[in-house]
Amino acid sequence: MRAPLHKQTGVVFSITSGNYDELRAPVKEASFDPMTLLLALLLAQTPAAAARDWIQLFNGRNLDGWDVKIAGHDLGDNFGKTFRVEHGLLEVRYDQYATFDDRFGHIFYRQPFSYYIVAVEYRFVGEQVKGAPDWALRNNGIMVHSQSARSMGKDQDFPISIEVQLLGGSGTGERPTANLCTPGTNVVMDGKLFTPHCINSRSKTYHGEQWVRVEALILGDSLIRHIVNGDTVLEYSKPQIGGGAVSHYDPAVKVDGKPLVSGYIALQSESHPTDFRKVEVLNLVGCMDPKSPKYKSYYVRSDPSQCH
């Protein structure tokens, strides 16, 4: 999405694949309701999940399980092979575009999630396609709690969702990644409804074509946390539908004020070539009965049906 507007500090805990340690950095703490704080405390004390527990959304071979939706095109029309798999990577490419022409695209995983951690390992490569906006240089994103691909309008530019914005450095200056953008949504920060479209994280800047791992911890409609290479860089709560920065949507989908309890995960095509070598999810919903063989200590949301 568009360039973030300003910086925000905040965040007390960190949860990553293998690191659940509490952050002790002297940053400003955000205000959360008691349930959100309880979940954060629980996660901070929970053992790390085994690598085998992570669900690989990208299988390294093809785009099975994913739906493509590009603005101006029908669902499933992967114009110009924008999204493709080469050399074991999920690639976003524009070599068959004469010009970008506002063809903002997204590739959606077909299964929704509610309480989970999504992680990607990405890098920016090559040059931005002609005709693209300047703010989209080395720009991609993980859309979480998103509407489905099927519910998007044909000409809709961005899904109603929470975006974990992925940015690459331009070679000079600071340009953090794992920022927040809010197409058709709002969140709560420091106990107040946050309505600007984007806000910077406190991450480092990653220049060149280096690989970066970004994770997002999503706890239903309570807490969302952004993590870059193991460091928590942004935190907020109460994701909900509202605001602007999205066009040509179905009004029946955009119910302002509706909490975002669950949704889909999508990756973007915003005009700059991007590689993804890993897209994975750790589902935090499951059997919480310690007597069951399907019990996992890291679950935070109970689903008794998974105990059988």
C-alpha atoms as a PDB file:
ATOM      1  CA  MET A   1       0.000   0.000   0.000  1.00  0.00           C
ATOM      2  CA  ARG A   2       0.938   3.669   0.024  1.00  0.00           C
ATOM      3  CA  ALA A   3       3.933   5.093   1.859  1.00  0.00           C
ATOM      4  CA  PRO A   4       3.560   5.132   5.664  1.00  0.00           C
ATOM      5  CA  LEU A   5       2.989   8.494   7.321  1.00  0.00           C
ATOM      6  CA  HIS A   6       4.947   8.543  10.542  1.00  0.00           C
ATOM      7  CA  LYS A   7       6.671   6.399  13.124  1.00  0.00           C
ATOM      8  CA  GLN A   8       5.229   4.689  16.169  1.00  0.00           C
ATOM      9  CA  THR A   9       6.896   2.897  19.052  1.00  0.00           C
ATOM     10  CA  GLY A  10       5.203   0.553  21.348  1.00  0.00           C
ATOM     11  CA  VAL A  11       5.207  -3.193  22.185  1.00  0.00           C
ATOM     12  CA  VAL A  12       6.221  -5.253  25.105  1.00  0.00           C
ATOM     13  CA  PHE A  13       6.349  -8.916  24.081  1.00  0.00           C
ATOM     14  CA  SER A  14       7.795 -10.874  21.190  1.00  0.00           C
ATOM     15  CA  ILE A  15       6.722 -14.234  19.845  1.00  0.00           C
ATOM     16  CA  THR A  16       8.525 -15.841  16.920  1.00  0.00           C
ATOM     17  CA  SER A  17       9.250 -19.343  15.681  1.00  0.00           C
ATOM     18  CA  GLY A  18      11.602 -20.343  18.464  1.00  0.00           C
ATOM     19  CA  ASN A  19      11.719 -17.099  20.453  1.00  0.00           C
ATOM     20  CA  TYR A  20       9.043 -16.223  22.988  1.00  0.00           C
ATOM     21  CA  ASP A  21      11.180 -13.959  25.148  1.00  0.00           C
ATOM     22  CA  GLU A  22       9.899 -10.723  26.608  1.00  0.00           C
ATOM     23  CA  LEU A  23      11.276  -7.546  25.072  1.00  0.00           C
ATOM     24  CA  ARG A  24      12.905  -5.218  27.572  1.00  0.00           C
ATOM     25  CA  ALA A  25      13.483  -2.267  25.258  1.00  0.00           C
ATOM     26  CA  PRO A  26      12.543   1.100  26.837  1.00  0.00           C
ATOM     27  CA  VAL A  27       9.600   1.807  24.551  1.00  0.00           C
ATOM     28  CA  LYS A  28       6.177   3.215  25.180  1.00  0.00           C
ATOM     29  CA  GLU A  29       3.619   0.572  26.091  1.00  0.00           C
ATOM     30  CA  ALA A  30       0.322   0.434  24.239  1.00  0.00           C
ATOM     31  CA  SER A  31      -3.003   0.297  26.082  1.00  0.00           C
ATOM     32  CA  PHE A  32      -4.930  -2.962  25.743  1.00  0.00           C
ATOM     33  CA  ASP A  33      -8.006  -4.484  27.338  1.00  0.00           C
ATOM     34  CA  PRO A  34      -7.512  -7.167  30.025  1.00  0.00           C
ATOM     35  CA  MET A  35      -8.193 -10.108  27.659  1.00  0.00           C
ATOM     36  CA  THR A  36      -5.569  -8.886  25.184  1.00  0.00           C
ATOM     37  CA  LEU A  37      -3.022  -8.471  27.960  1.00  0.00           C
ATOM     38  CA  LEU A  38      -3.836 -11.935  29.294  1.00  0.00           C
ATOM     39  CA  LEU A  39      -3.242 -13.466  25.865  1.00  0.00           C
ATOM     40  CA  ALA A  40       0.042 -11.572  25.516  1.00  0.00           C
ATOM     41  CA  LEU A  41       1.214 -12.833  28.906  1.00  0.00           C
ATOM     42  CA  LEU A  42       0.198 -16.379  27.998  1.00  0.00           C
ATOM     43  CA  LEU A  43       2.144 -16.238  24.745  1.00  0.00           C
ATOM     44  CA  ALA A  44       5.214 -14.824  26.462  1.00  0.00           C
ATOM     45  CA  GLN A  45       5.327 -17.897  28.708  1.00  0.00           C
ATOM     46  CA  THR A  46       4.448 -20.498  26.055  1.00  0.00           C
ATOM     47  CA  PRO A  47       7.068 -22.942  24.703  1.00  0.00           C
ATOM     48  CA  ALA A  48       8.026 -22.503  21.066  1.00  0.00           C
ATOM     49  CA  ALA A  49       6.353 -24.655  18.435  1.00  0.00           C
ATOM     50  CA  ALA A  50       8.305 -27.324  16.584  1.00  0.00           C
ATOM     51  CA  ALA A  51       9.188 -26.559  12.978  1.00  0.00           C
ATOM     52  CA  ARG A  52       6.917 -29.408  11.845  1.00  0.00           C
ATOM     53  CA  ASP A  53       3.891 -27.645  13.372  1.00  0.00           C
ATOM     54  CA  TRP A  54       4.111 -24.783  10.897  1.00  0.00           C
ATOM     55  CA  ILE A  55       1.779 -25.129   7.897  1.00  0.00           C
ATOM     56  CA  GLN A  56       3.564 -24.419   4.605  1.00  0.00           C
ATOM     57  CA  LEU A  57       1.104 -22.325   2.583  1.00  0.00           C
ATOM     58  CA  PHE A  58       3.569 -22.200  -0.317  1.00  0.00           C
ATOM     59  CA  ASN A  59       4.675 -25.707  -1.272  1.00  0.00           C
ATOM     60  CA  GLY A  60       7.666 -24.639  -3.388  1.00  0.00           C
ATOM     61  CA  ARG A  61       6.291 -26.315  -6.543  1.00  0.00           C
ATOM     62  CA  ASN A  62       3.080 -24.586  -7.661  1.00  0.00           C
ATOM     63  CA  LEU A  63       0.272 -22.260  -6.614  1.00  0.00           C
ATOM     64  CA  ASP A  64      -2.105 -24.964  -5.410  1.00  0.00           C
ATOM     65  CA  GLY A  65      -4.377 -23.646  -2.668  1.00  0.00           C
ATOM     66  CA  TRP A  66      -4.156 -20.030  -3.836  1.00  0.00           C
ATOM     67  CA  ASP A  67      -6.507 -17.687  -5.752  1.00  0.00           C
ATOM     68  CA  VAL A  68      -5.291 -14.752  -7.864  1.00  0.00           C
ATOM     69  CA  LYS A  69      -7.246 -11.491  -8.111  1.00  0.00           C
ATOM     70  CA  ILE A  70      -5.816  -8.588 -10.128  1.00  0.00           C
ATOM     71  CA  ALA A  71      -7.647  -5.265 -10.456  1.00  0.00           C
ATOM     72  CA  GLY A  72      -9.537  -5.071 -13.745  1.00  0.00           C
ATOM     73  CA  HIS A  73      -9.448  -8.839 -14.244  1.00  0.00           C
ATOM     74  CA  ASP A  74     -11.704 -11.679 -13.271  1.00  0.00           C
ATOM     75  CA  LEU A  75     -10.980 -13.935 -10.317  1.00  0.00           C
ATOM     76  CA  GLY A  76      -8.367 -16.490 -11.336  1.00  0.00           C
ATOM     77  CA  ASP A  77      -6.995 -14.476 -14.279  1.00  0.00           C
ATOM     78  CA  ASN A  78      -3.270 -14.415 -13.495  1.00  0.00           C
ATOM     79  CA  PHE A  79      -2.552 -11.673 -16.015  1.00  0.00           C
ATOM     80  CA  GLY A  80       0.956 -11.859 -17.485  1.00  0.00           C
ATOM     81  CA  LYS A  81       1.820 -14.725 -15.132  1.00  0.00           C
ATOM     82  CA  THR A  82       2.233 -12.077 -12.444  1.00  0.00           C
ATOM     83  CA  PHE A  83       2.383 -14.780  -9.779  1.00  0.00           C
ATOM     84  CA  ARG A  84       4.529 -17.778 -10.715  1.00  0.00           C
ATOM     85  CA  VAL A  85       6.803 -20.426  -9.269  1.00  0.00           C
ATOM     86  CA  GLU A  86      10.389 -20.613 -10.506  1.00  0.00           C
ATOM     87  CA  HIS A  87      13.412 -22.252  -8.861  1.00  0.00           C
ATOM     88  CA  GLY A  88      11.368 -23.107  -5.775  1.00  0.00           C
ATOM     89  CA  LEU A  89      10.361 -19.471  -5.200  1.00  0.00           C
ATOM     90  CA  LEU A  90       6.976 -17.790  -5.354  1.00  0.00           C
ATOM     91  CA  GLU A  91       7.829 -14.942  -7.708  1.00  0.00           C
ATOM     92  CA  VAL A  92       5.939 -11.729  -8.424  1.00  0.00           C
ATOM     93  CA  ARG A  93       6.935 -10.527 -11.913  1.00  0.00           C
ATOM     94  CA  TYR A  94       5.955  -7.938 -14.530  1.00  0.00           C
ATOM     95  CA  ASP A  95       8.000  -8.895 -17.601  1.00  0.00           C
ATOM     96  CA  GLN A  96       4.784  -9.350 -19.616  1.00  0.00           C
ATOM     97  CA  TYR A  97       3.452  -5.876 -18.681  1.00  0.00           C
ATOM     98  CA  ALA A  98       3.947  -3.011 -21.145  1.00  0.00           C
ATOM     99  CA  THR A  99       3.002  -0.676 -18.297  1.00  0.00           C
ATOM    100  CA  PHE A 100       1.598  -1.232 -14.814  1.00  0.00           C
ATOM    101  CA  ASP A 101      -1.707   0.558 -15.480  1.00  0.00           C
ATOM    102  CA  ASP A 102      -2.870   0.294 -11.841  1.00  0.00           C
ATOM    103  CA  ARG A 103      -3.144  -3.490 -12.033  1.00  0.00           C
ATOM    104  CA  PHE A 104      -2.763  -3.966  -8.284  1.00  0.00           C
ATOM    105  CA  GLY A 105      -2.947  -7.665  -7.587  1.00  0.00           C
ATOM    106  CA  HIS A 106      -3.199 -10.152  -4.733  1.00  0.00           C
ATOM    107  CA  ILE A 107      -2.822 -13.878  -4.317  1.00  0.00           C
ATOM    108  CA  PHE A 108      -5.030 -15.302  -1.559  1.00  0.00           C
ATOM    109  CA  TYR A 109      -4.627 -18.506   0.397  1.00  0.00           C
ATOM    110  CA  ARG A 110      -8.015 -20.234   0.324  1.00  0.00           C
ATOM    111  CA  GLN A 111      -8.235 -21.162   4.020  1.00  0.00           C
ATOM    112  CA  PRO A 112      -9.158 -18.466   6.564  1.00  0.00           C
ATOM    113  CA  PHE A 113      -7.485 -18.189   9.976  1.00  0.00           C
ATOM    114  CA  SER A 114      -8.352 -16.404  13.213  1.00  0.00           C
ATOM    115  CA  TYR A 115      -5.628 -16.912  15.853  1.00  0.00           C
ATOM    116  CA  TYR A 116      -2.284 -17.571  14.213  1.00  0.00           C
ATOM    117  CA  ILE A 117       1.206 -16.451  13.276  1.00  0.00           C
ATOM    118  CA  VAL A 118       1.906 -15.906   9.590  1.00  0.00           C
ATOM    119  CA  ALA A 119       5.535 -15.673   8.441  1.00  0.00           C
ATOM    120  CA  VAL A 120       7.131 -14.862   5.105  1.00  0.00           C
ATOM    121  CA  GLU A 121      10.729 -14.701   3.930  1.00  0.00           C
ATOM    122  CA  TYR A 122      10.995 -12.241   1.064  1.00  0.00           C
ATOM    123  CA  ARG A 123      13.356 -10.101  -0.983  1.00  0.00           C
ATOM    124  CA  PHE A 124      12.975  -7.390  -3.613  1.00  0.00           C
ATOM    125  CA  VAL A 125      14.786  -7.892  -6.923  1.00  0.00           C
ATOM    126  CA  GLY A 126      15.213  -6.080 -10.221  1.00  0.00           C
ATOM    127  CA  GLU A 127      13.498  -2.884 -11.293  1.00  0.00           C
ATOM    128  CA  GLN A 128       9.998  -1.534 -10.825  1.00  0.00           C
ATOM    129  CA  VAL A 129       7.739  -1.887 -13.872  1.00  0.00           C
ATOM    130  CA  LYS A 130       7.047   1.234 -15.947  1.00  0.00           C
ATOM    131  CA  GLY A 131       3.997   3.322 -15.176  1.00  0.00           C
ATOM    132  CA  ALA A 132       3.850   2.458 -11.485  1.00  0.00           C
ATOM    133  CA  PRO A 133       3.516   5.017  -8.664  1.00  0.00           C
ATOM    134  CA  ASP A 134       6.703   6.115  -6.904  1.00  0.00           C
ATOM    135  CA  TRP A 135       5.425   4.973  -3.493  1.00  0.00           C
ATOM    136  CA  ALA A 136       5.197   1.372  -4.783  1.00  0.00           C
ATOM    137  CA  LEU A 137       8.969   1.108  -5.293  1.00  0.00           C
ATOM    138  CA  ARG A 138      10.224  -2.003  -3.427  1.00  0.00           C
ATOM    139  CA  ASN A 139       6.800  -2.364  -1.876  1.00  0.00           C
ATOM    140  CA  ASN A 140       4.722  -5.476  -1.171  1.00  0.00           C
ATOM    141  CA  GLY A 141       2.590  -6.645   1.719  1.00  0.00           C
ATOM    142  CA  ILE A 142       0.996  -9.435   3.722  1.00  0.00           C
ATOM    143  CA  MET A 143      -2.746  -8.866   3.920  1.00  0.00           C
ATOM    144  CA  VAL A 144      -4.198 -10.453   7.062  1.00  0.00           C
ATOM    145  CA  HIS A 145      -7.810 -10.816   8.246  1.00  0.00           C
ATOM    146  CA  SER A 146      -8.648 -10.061   4.622  1.00  0.00           C
ATOM    147  CA  GLN A 147     -11.914 -10.424   2.778  1.00  0.00           C
ATOM    148  CA  SER A 148     -11.890 -13.355   0.350  1.00  0.00           C
ATOM    149  CA  ALA A 149     -10.703 -13.056  -3.238  1.00  0.00           C
ATOM    150  CA  ARG A 150     -14.155 -14.113  -4.383  1.00  0.00           C
ATOM    151  CA  SER A 151     -15.850 -11.208  -2.573  1.00  0.00           C
ATOM    152  CA  MET A 152     -13.733  -8.527  -4.266  1.00  0.00           C
ATOM    153  CA  GLY A 153     -15.114  -6.339  -7.031  1.00  0.00           C
ATOM    154  CA  LYS A 154     -13.610  -6.791 -10.494  1.00  0.00           C
ATOM    155  CA  ASP A 155     -12.001  -3.336 -10.411  1.00  0.00           C
ATOM    156  CA  GLN A 156     -11.286  -3.277  -6.671  1.00  0.00           C
ATOM    157  CA  ASP A 157      -7.694  -2.224  -6.013  1.00  0.00           C
ATOM    158  CA  PHE A 158      -7.042  -3.599  -2.514  1.00  0.00           C
ATOM    159  CA  PRO A 159      -8.916  -6.065  -0.328  1.00  0.00           C
ATOM    160  CA  ILE A 160     -10.509  -4.836   2.882  1.00  0.00           C
ATOM    161  CA  SER A 161      -7.848  -6.092   5.280  1.00  0.00           C
ATOM    162  CA  ILE A 162      -4.986  -5.279   7.612  1.00  0.00           C
ATOM    163  CA  GLU A 163      -1.718  -4.920   5.696  1.00  0.00           C
ATOM    164  CA  VAL A 164       1.676  -5.778   7.110  1.00  0.00           C
ATOM    165  CA  GLN A 165       3.535  -3.588   4.635  1.00  0.00           C
ATOM    166  CA  LEU A 166       6.841  -4.944   3.303  1.00  0.00           C
ATOM    167  CA  LEU A 167       9.314  -2.285   2.146  1.00  0.00           C
ATOM    168  CA  GLY A 168      12.871  -2.427   0.872  1.00  0.00           C
ATOM    169  CA  GLY A 169      15.438   0.315   1.283  1.00  0.00           C
ATOM    170  CA  SER A 170      16.116   2.561  -1.701  1.00  0.00           C
ATOM    171  CA  GLY A 171      19.873   2.517  -1.143  1.00  0.00           C
ATOM    172  CA  THR A 172      20.023   5.603   1.051  1.00  0.00           C
ATOM    173  CA  GLY A 173      18.138   6.771   4.105  1.00  0.00           C
ATOM    174  CA  GLU A 174      15.708   4.971   6.379  1.00  0.00           C
ATOM    175  CA  ARG A 175      12.752   2.965   5.102  1.00  0.00           C
ATOM    176  CA  PRO A 176      11.462   0.507   7.701  1.00  0.00           C
ATOM    177  CA  THR A 177       9.526  -2.641   6.882  1.00  0.00           C
ATOM    178  CA  ALA A 178       6.594  -4.444   8.564  1.00  0.00           C
ATOM    179  CA  ASN A 179       4.656  -1.185   8.718  1.00  0.00           C
ATOM    180  CA  LEU A 180       0.882  -1.017   9.063  1.00  0.00           C
ATOM    181  CA  CYS A 181      -1.513   0.068   6.322  1.00  0.00           C
ATOM    182  CA  THR A 182      -5.283  -0.132   6.577  1.00  0.00           C
ATOM    183  CA  PRO A 183      -7.248  -0.539   3.328  1.00  0.00           C
ATOM    184  CA  GLY A 184     -10.861  -0.201   4.401  1.00  0.00           C
ATOM    185  CA  THR A 185      -9.979  -0.794   8.056  1.00  0.00           C
ATOM    186  CA  ASN A 186      -9.024   0.877  11.332  1.00  0.00           C
ATOM    187  CA  VAL A 187      -7.226  -0.304  14.477  1.00  0.00           C
ATOM    188  CA  VAL A 188      -6.778   0.856  18.067  1.00  0.00           C
ATOM    189  CA  MET A 189      -3.454   2.233  19.321  1.00  0.00           C
ATOM    190  CA  ASP A 190      -2.835   3.575  22.812  1.00  0.00           C
ATOM    191  CA  GLY A 191      -6.502   3.068  23.586  1.00  0.00           C
ATOM    192  CA  LYS A 192      -7.687   5.304  20.730  1.00  0.00           C
ATOM    193  CA  LEU A 193      -9.096   4.536  17.289  1.00  0.00           C
ATOM    194  CA  PHE A 194      -6.288   4.992  14.775  1.00  0.00           C
ATOM    195  CA  THR A 195      -7.625   6.198  11.421  1.00  0.00           C
ATOM    196  CA  PRO A 196      -4.596   7.344   9.317  1.00  0.00           C
ATOM    197  CA  HIS A 197      -3.894   4.967   6.445  1.00  0.00           C
ATOM    198  CA  CYS A 198      -0.313   3.940   7.269  1.00  0.00           C
ATOM    199  CA  ILE A 199       2.162   4.090  10.127  1.00  0.00           C
ATOM    200  CA  ASN A 200       5.828   3.129  10.245  1.00  0.00           C
ATOM    201  CA  SER A 201       7.213   0.379  12.434  1.00  0.00           C
ATOM    202  CA  ARG A 202      10.477   0.771  14.319  1.00  0.00           C
ATOM    203  CA  SER A 203      12.306  -1.815  12.185  1.00  0.00           C
ATOM    204  CA  LYS A 204      15.692  -1.425  10.576  1.00  0.00           C
ATOM    205  CA  THR A 205      16.012  -0.632   6.872  1.00  0.00           C
ATOM    206  CA  TYR A 206      16.907  -3.512   4.546  1.00  0.00           C
ATOM    207  CA  HIS A 207      18.662  -2.360   1.388  1.00  0.00           C
ATOM    208  CA  GLY A 208      19.548  -4.449  -1.655  1.00  0.00           C
ATOM    209  CA  GLU A 209      18.319  -7.963  -2.356  1.00  0.00           C
ATOM    210  CA  GLN A 210      18.765  -9.477   1.116  1.00  0.00           C
ATOM    211  CA  TRP A 211      16.247 -11.946   2.512  1.00  0.00           C
ATOM    212  CA  VAL A 212      14.087 -10.694   5.382  1.00  0.00           C
ATOM    213  CA  ARG A 213      11.766 -12.687   7.646  1.00  0.00           C
ATOM    214  CA  VAL A 214       8.587 -10.932   8.758  1.00  0.00           C
ATOM    215  CA  GLU A 215       6.012 -12.480  11.072  1.00  0.00           C
ATOM    216  CA  ALA A 216       2.622 -11.238  12.193  1.00  0.00           C
ATOM    217  CA  LEU A 217       0.964 -12.549  15.331  1.00  0.00           C
ATOM    218  CA  ILE A 218      -2.814 -12.294  14.981  1.00  0.00           C
ATOM    219  CA  LEU A 219      -5.118 -12.987  17.940  1.00  0.00           C
ATOM    220  CA  GLY A 220      -8.622 -12.707  16.521  1.00  0.00           C
ATOM    221  CA  ASP A 221      -9.964  -9.185  16.934  1.00  0.00           C
ATOM    222  CA  SER A 222      -7.753  -8.419  19.943  1.00  0.00           C
ATOM    223  CA  LEU A 223      -3.987  -8.160  19.367  1.00  0.00           C
ATOM    224  CA  ILE A 224      -1.785  -7.934  16.259  1.00  0.00           C
ATOM    225  CA  ARG A 225       2.015  -7.770  16.477  1.00  0.00           C
ATOM    226  CA  HIS A 226       4.619  -7.283  13.710  1.00  0.00           C
ATOM    227  CA  ILE A 227       8.010  -9.002  14.052  1.00  0.00           C
ATOM    228  CA  VAL A 228      11.094  -8.577  11.831  1.00  0.00           C
ATOM    229  CA  ASN A 229      13.951 -11.078  12.068  1.00  0.00           C
ATOM    230  CA  GLY A 230      12.881 -11.877  15.630  1.00  0.00           C
ATOM    231  CA  ASP A 231      12.343  -8.295  16.864  1.00  0.00           C
ATOM    232  CA  THR A 232       8.886  -6.924  17.653  1.00  0.00           C
ATOM    233  CA  VAL A 233       8.490  -3.628  15.781  1.00  0.00           C
ATOM    234  CA  LEU A 234       4.810  -2.684  16.024  1.00  0.00           C
ATOM    235  CA  GLU A 235       1.716  -3.640  18.023  1.00  0.00           C
ATOM    236  CA  TYR A 236      -1.949  -2.628  18.056  1.00  0.00           C
ATOM    237  CA  SER A 237      -5.393  -4.038  18.783  1.00  0.00           C
ATOM    238  CA  LYS A 238      -9.064  -4.252  17.787  1.00  0.00           C
ATOM    239  CA  PRO A 239      -8.807  -4.493  13.963  1.00  0.00           C
ATOM    240  CA  GLN A 240     -12.115  -3.496  12.399  1.00  0.00           C
ATOM    241  CA  ILE A 241     -13.689  -2.488   9.115  1.00  0.00           C
ATOM    242  CA  GLY A 242     -13.785   1.269   8.482  1.00  0.00           C
ATOM    243  CA  GLY A 243     -11.957   4.126   6.824  1.00  0.00           C
ATOM    244  CA  GLY A 244     -10.970   4.519   3.185  1.00  0.00           C
ATOM    245  CA  ALA A 245      -7.981   3.738   0.914  1.00  0.00           C
ATOM    246  CA  VAL A 246      -9.948   1.104  -1.000  1.00  0.00           C
ATOM    247  CA  SER A 247     -12.149   1.569  -4.062  1.00  0.00           C
ATOM    248  CA  HIS A 248     -14.685  -0.303  -6.212  1.00  0.00           C
ATOM    249  CA  TYR A 249     -15.646  -2.631  -3.364  1.00  0.00           C
ATOM    250  CA  ASP A 250     -19.011  -4.237  -2.702  1.00  0.00           C
ATOM    251  CA  PRO A 251     -20.770  -2.054  -0.072  1.00  0.00           C
ATOM    252  CA  ALA A 252     -22.272  -5.202   1.447  1.00  0.00           C
ATOM    253  CA  VAL A 253     -18.757  -6.308   2.428  1.00  0.00           C
ATOM    254  CA  LYS A 254     -17.633  -3.011   3.936  1.00  0.00           C
ATOM    255  CA  VAL A 255     -19.627  -2.892   7.164  1.00  0.00           C
ATOM    256  CA  ASP A 256     -17.876  -0.104   9.070  1.00  0.00           C
ATOM    257  CA  GLY A 257     -17.253  -0.880  12.727  1.00  0.00           C
ATOM    258  CA  LYS A 258     -17.444  -4.677  12.268  1.00  0.00           C
ATOM    259  CA  PRO A 259     -14.615  -6.389  14.214  1.00  0.00           C
ATOM    260  CA  LEU A 260     -12.191  -8.452  12.139  1.00  0.00           C
ATOM    261  CA  VAL A 261     -12.188 -11.745  14.014  1.00  0.00           C
ATOM    262  CA  SER A 262     -10.804 -13.864  11.180  1.00  0.00           C
ATOM    263  CA  GLY A 263     -10.020 -13.697   7.489  1.00  0.00           C
ATOM    264  CA  TYR A 264      -7.754 -14.655   4.645  1.00  0.00           C
ATOM    265  CA  ILE A 265      -4.038 -14.183   4.015  1.00  0.00           C
ATOM    266  CA  ALA A 266      -2.868 -12.587   0.764  1.00  0.00           C
ATOM    267  CA  LEU A 267       0.367 -11.373  -0.815  1.00  0.00           C
ATOM    268  CA  GLN A 268       0.547  -8.408  -3.172  1.00  0.00           C
ATOM    269  CA  SER A 269       1.694  -7.421  -6.627  1.00  0.00           C
ATOM    270  CA  GLU A 270       2.257  -3.671  -6.429  1.00  0.00           C
ATOM    271  CA  SER A 271       4.703  -3.176  -9.339  1.00  0.00           C
ATOM    272  CA  HIS A 272       8.109  -4.223  -7.931  1.00  0.00           C
ATOM    273  CA  PRO A 273       9.444  -7.768  -8.533  1.00  0.00           C
ATOM    274  CA  THR A 274       9.453  -9.753  -5.295  1.00  0.00           C
ATOM    275  CA  ASP A 275      10.532 -13.260  -4.305  1.00  0.00           C
ATOM    276  CA  PHE A 276       9.041 -15.310  -1.490  1.00  0.00           C
ATOM    277  CA  ARG A 277      10.938 -18.420  -0.443  1.00  0.00           C
ATOM    278  CA  LYS A 278       8.682 -19.225   2.517  1.00  0.00           C
ATOM    279  CA  VAL A 279       5.062 -18.524   3.417  1.00  0.00           C
ATOM    280  CA  GLU A 280       3.945 -20.384   6.529  1.00  0.00           C
ATOM    281  CA  VAL A 281       1.380 -20.281   9.307  1.00  0.00           C
ATOM    282  CA  LEU A 282       1.336 -21.523  12.872  1.00  0.00           C
ATOM    283  CA  ASN A 283      -2.304 -22.044  13.808  1.00  0.00           C
ATOM    284  CA  LEU A 284      -2.911 -21.111  17.449  1.00  0.00           C
ATOM    285  CA  VAL A 285      -6.359 -22.714  17.549  1.00  0.00           C
ATOM    286  CA  GLY A 286      -6.613 -26.355  18.557  1.00  0.00           C
ATOM    287  CA  CYS A 287      -7.019 -28.945  21.265  1.00  0.00           C
ATOM    288  CA  MET A 288      -6.129 -27.518  24.689  1.00  0.00           C
ATOM    289  CA  ASP A 289      -6.851 -30.703  26.647  1.00  0.00           C
ATOM    290  CA  PRO A 290      -3.459 -31.907  27.991  1.00  0.00           C
ATOM    291  CA  LYS A 291      -4.813 -35.469  28.086  1.00  0.00           C
ATOM    292  CA  SER A 292      -5.339 -35.558  24.322  1.00  0.00           C
ATOM    293  CA  PRO A 293      -2.529 -36.673  21.971  1.00  0.00           C
ATOM    294  CA  LYS A 294      -3.446 -33.699  19.772  1.00  0.00           C
ATOM    295  CA  TYR A 295      -2.750 -31.170  22.528  1.00  0.00           C
ATOM    296  CA  LYS A 296      -0.209 -28.439  21.762  1.00  0.00           C
ATOM    297  CA  SER A 297       1.144 -26.214  24.507  1.00  0.00           C
ATOM    298  CA  TYR A 298       1.248 -23.129  22.282  1.00  0.00           C
ATOM    299  CA  TYR A 299      -2.484 -23.070  21.474  1.00  0.00           C
ATOM    300  CA  VAL A 300      -4.282 -20.003  22.845  1.00  0.00           C
ATOM    301  CA  ARG A 301      -7.778 -20.660  21.485  1.00  0.00           C
ATOM    302  CA  SER A 302      -9.628 -23.877  22.263  1.00  0.00           C
ATOM    303  CA  ASP A 303     -11.346 -26.001  19.619  1.00  0.00           C
ATOM    304  CA  PRO A 304     -12.513 -29.192  21.372  1.00  0.00           C
ATOM    305  CA  SER A 305     -13.454 -30.771  18.030  1.00  0.00           C
ATOM    306  CA  GLN A 306      -9.743 -31.105  17.268  1.00  0.00           C
ATOM    307  CA  CYS A 307      -9.166 -33.290  20.331  1.00  0.00           C
ATOM    308  CA  HIS A 308     -10.742 -36.314  18.643  1.00  0.00           C
END
